[in-house]
Amino acid sequence: MATIKVTKVKSAINRTKNQKRTLEALGLKKIGQTVEHQDTPNILGMIKKVNHLVSVETK
C-alpha cells in the first residue's frame, strides 16, 4: 500500500466537534504538523471529511 502525508494547514476553531475529533484521530494537533498514514479506505474517508483543513501528499 502507498503512504500518504497529511499536513494540517488551517485551524479547527469554529469547526464542528466531528471535524475536531477527526483531526485528532488522524494525529494532527498543531498547524503545520505532518503525519504519515497508509492509504486505506478508512484514512481516505477521514481525510475527505476534513479536506478543507489539511493538505495531502502521496508518496
N, C-alpha and C. Protein backbone atom coordinates (compact mmCIF):
# COMPACT_ATOMS: atom_id res chain seq x y z
N MET A 1 0.82 -1.19 0.00
CA MET A 1 0.00 0.00 0.00
C MET A 1 0.87 1.25 0.00
N ALA A 2 0.30 2.28 -0.55
CA ALA A 2 1.02 3.55 -0.62
C ALA A 2 0.93 4.29 0.72
N THR A 3 1.86 5.19 0.91
CA THR A 3 1.87 6.03 2.10
C THR A 3 1.49 7.44 1.70
N ILE A 4 0.69 8.10 2.53
CA ILE A 4 0.31 9.47 2.26
C ILE A 4 0.72 10.35 3.44
N LYS A 5 1.11 11.58 3.13
CA LYS A 5 1.45 12.57 4.15
C LYS A 5 0.29 13.54 4.28
N VAL A 6 -0.15 13.76 5.51
CA VAL A 6 -1.25 14.68 5.77
C VAL A 6 -0.72 15.80 6.65
N THR A 7 -0.90 17.05 6.22
CA THR A 7 -0.44 18.21 6.95
C THR A 7 -1.62 19.10 7.29
N LYS A 8 -1.71 19.51 8.54
CA LYS A 8 -2.78 20.42 8.96
C LYS A 8 -2.38 21.84 8.55
N VAL A 9 -3.24 22.51 7.78
CA VAL A 9 -2.92 23.84 7.27
C VAL A 9 -3.85 24.92 7.79
N LYS A 10 -4.99 24.53 8.38
CA LYS A 10 -5.93 25.51 8.90
C LYS A 10 -6.35 25.12 10.31
N SER A 11 -6.81 26.10 11.05
CA SER A 11 -7.23 25.90 12.43
C SER A 11 -8.57 25.18 12.51
N ALA A 12 -8.79 24.49 13.62
CA ALA A 12 -10.05 23.79 13.86
C ALA A 12 -11.02 24.63 14.69
N ILE A 13 -10.66 25.87 14.96
CA ILE A 13 -11.55 26.76 15.70
C ILE A 13 -12.80 27.03 14.85
N ASN A 14 -13.94 27.05 15.49
CA ASN A 14 -15.25 27.24 14.84
C ASN A 14 -15.60 26.12 13.87
N ARG A 15 -15.08 24.94 14.11
CA ARG A 15 -15.44 23.76 13.31
C ARG A 15 -16.31 22.85 14.17
N THR A 16 -16.99 21.93 13.54
CA THR A 16 -17.86 21.03 14.28
C THR A 16 -17.02 20.07 15.13
N LYS A 17 -17.66 19.50 16.14
CA LYS A 17 -16.98 18.57 17.03
C LYS A 17 -16.49 17.34 16.25
N ASN A 18 -17.26 16.91 15.25
CA ASN A 18 -16.86 15.75 14.45
C ASN A 18 -15.57 16.03 13.68
N GLN A 19 -15.44 17.24 13.14
CA GLN A 19 -14.24 17.59 12.40
C GLN A 19 -13.04 17.68 13.34
N LYS A 20 -13.23 18.23 14.53
CA LYS A 20 -12.14 18.30 15.50
C LYS A 20 -11.68 16.90 15.91
N ARG A 21 -12.64 16.01 16.13
CA ARG A 21 -12.30 14.64 16.52
C ARG A 21 -11.61 13.89 15.37
N THR A 22 -12.00 14.18 14.16
CA THR A 22 -11.36 13.54 13.00
C THR A 22 -9.90 13.97 12.90
N LEU A 23 -9.64 15.26 13.11
CA LEU A 23 -8.25 15.73 13.09
C LEU A 23 -7.43 15.06 14.19
N GLU A 24 -8.01 14.93 15.38
CA GLU A 24 -7.31 14.25 16.48
C GLU A 24 -7.05 12.79 16.15
N ALA A 25 -8.03 12.14 15.52
CA ALA A 25 -7.87 10.74 15.16
C ALA A 25 -6.78 10.55 14.11
N LEU A 26 -6.60 11.55 13.27
CA LEU A 26 -5.52 11.50 12.28
C LEU A 26 -4.16 11.78 12.92
N GLY A 27 -4.17 12.29 14.14
CA GLY A 27 -2.93 12.60 14.84
C GLY A 27 -2.44 14.02 14.62
N LEU A 28 -3.35 14.90 14.20
CA LEU A 28 -2.99 16.29 13.91
C LEU A 28 -3.47 17.19 15.03
N LYS A 29 -2.54 17.91 15.65
CA LYS A 29 -2.88 18.82 16.74
C LYS A 29 -2.55 20.26 16.40
N LYS A 30 -1.36 20.51 15.88
CA LYS A 30 -0.92 21.87 15.61
C LYS A 30 -0.90 22.14 14.10
N ILE A 31 -1.06 23.40 13.75
CA ILE A 31 -0.96 23.79 12.35
C ILE A 31 0.48 23.58 11.89
N GLY A 32 0.62 22.98 10.73
CA GLY A 32 1.94 22.69 10.19
C GLY A 32 2.44 21.30 10.53
N GLN A 33 1.74 20.61 11.42
CA GLN A 33 2.15 19.25 11.80
C GLN A 33 1.84 18.28 10.67
N THR A 34 2.76 17.36 10.42
CA THR A 34 2.61 16.39 9.35
C THR A 34 2.67 14.99 9.93
N VAL A 35 1.77 14.12 9.46
CA VAL A 35 1.77 12.72 9.86
C VAL A 35 1.70 11.87 8.60
N GLU A 36 2.18 10.64 8.72
CA GLU A 36 2.10 9.70 7.60
C GLU A 36 1.15 8.57 7.95
N HIS A 37 0.33 8.19 6.98
CA HIS A 37 -0.63 7.11 7.16
C HIS A 37 -0.59 6.21 5.93
N GLN A 38 -1.06 4.99 6.11
CA GLN A 38 -1.24 4.09 4.99
C GLN A 38 -2.47 4.54 4.20
N ASP A 39 -2.46 4.24 2.92
CA ASP A 39 -3.54 4.64 2.01
C ASP A 39 -4.69 3.63 2.11
N THR A 40 -5.45 3.68 3.21
CA THR A 40 -6.57 2.75 3.42
C THR A 40 -7.88 3.51 3.24
N PRO A 41 -8.96 2.78 2.96
CA PRO A 41 -10.26 3.46 2.81
C PRO A 41 -10.69 4.23 4.05
N ASN A 42 -10.35 3.73 5.25
CA ASN A 42 -10.72 4.44 6.48
C ASN A 42 -10.04 5.80 6.55
N ILE A 43 -8.75 5.82 6.30
CA ILE A 43 -7.98 7.07 6.36
C ILE A 43 -8.44 8.03 5.26
N LEU A 44 -8.67 7.52 4.07
CA LEU A 44 -9.12 8.39 2.98
C LEU A 44 -10.48 9.01 3.27
N GLY A 45 -11.37 8.27 3.93
CA GLY A 45 -12.66 8.82 4.32
C GLY A 45 -12.52 9.92 5.35
N MET A 46 -11.58 9.73 6.30
CA MET A 46 -11.34 10.75 7.32
C MET A 46 -10.78 12.02 6.68
N ILE A 47 -9.87 11.84 5.74
CA ILE A 47 -9.27 12.98 5.06
C ILE A 47 -10.33 13.73 4.24
N LYS A 48 -11.23 12.99 3.62
CA LYS A 48 -12.28 13.62 2.82
C LYS A 48 -13.18 14.52 3.67
N LYS A 49 -13.41 14.13 4.93
CA LYS A 49 -14.25 14.92 5.83
C LYS A 49 -13.61 16.25 6.23
N VAL A 50 -12.28 16.29 6.26
CA VAL A 50 -11.58 17.50 6.70
C VAL A 50 -10.62 18.02 5.63
N ASN A 51 -10.93 17.76 4.35
CA ASN A 51 -10.02 18.14 3.28
C ASN A 51 -9.81 19.65 3.17
N HIS A 52 -10.72 20.45 3.72
CA HIS A 52 -10.58 21.90 3.69
C HIS A 52 -9.63 22.40 4.79
N LEU A 53 -9.21 21.50 5.69
CA LEU A 53 -8.31 21.86 6.78
C LEU A 53 -6.91 21.26 6.63
N VAL A 54 -6.74 20.33 5.70
CA VAL A 54 -5.48 19.62 5.57
C VAL A 54 -4.97 19.67 4.14
N SER A 55 -3.69 19.35 4.00
CA SER A 55 -3.05 19.21 2.71
C SER A 55 -2.55 17.76 2.61
N VAL A 56 -2.76 17.12 1.48
CA VAL A 56 -2.43 15.71 1.31
C VAL A 56 -1.38 15.56 0.22
N GLU A 57 -0.37 14.73 0.49
CA GLU A 57 0.70 14.47 -0.45
C GLU A 57 0.92 12.97 -0.51
N THR A 58 0.93 12.39 -1.70
CA THR A 58 1.17 10.96 -1.84
C THR A 58 2.64 10.68 -2.03
N LYS A 59 3.07 9.54 -1.53
CA LYS A 59 4.47 9.14 -1.66
C LYS A 59 4.60 8.05 -2.67
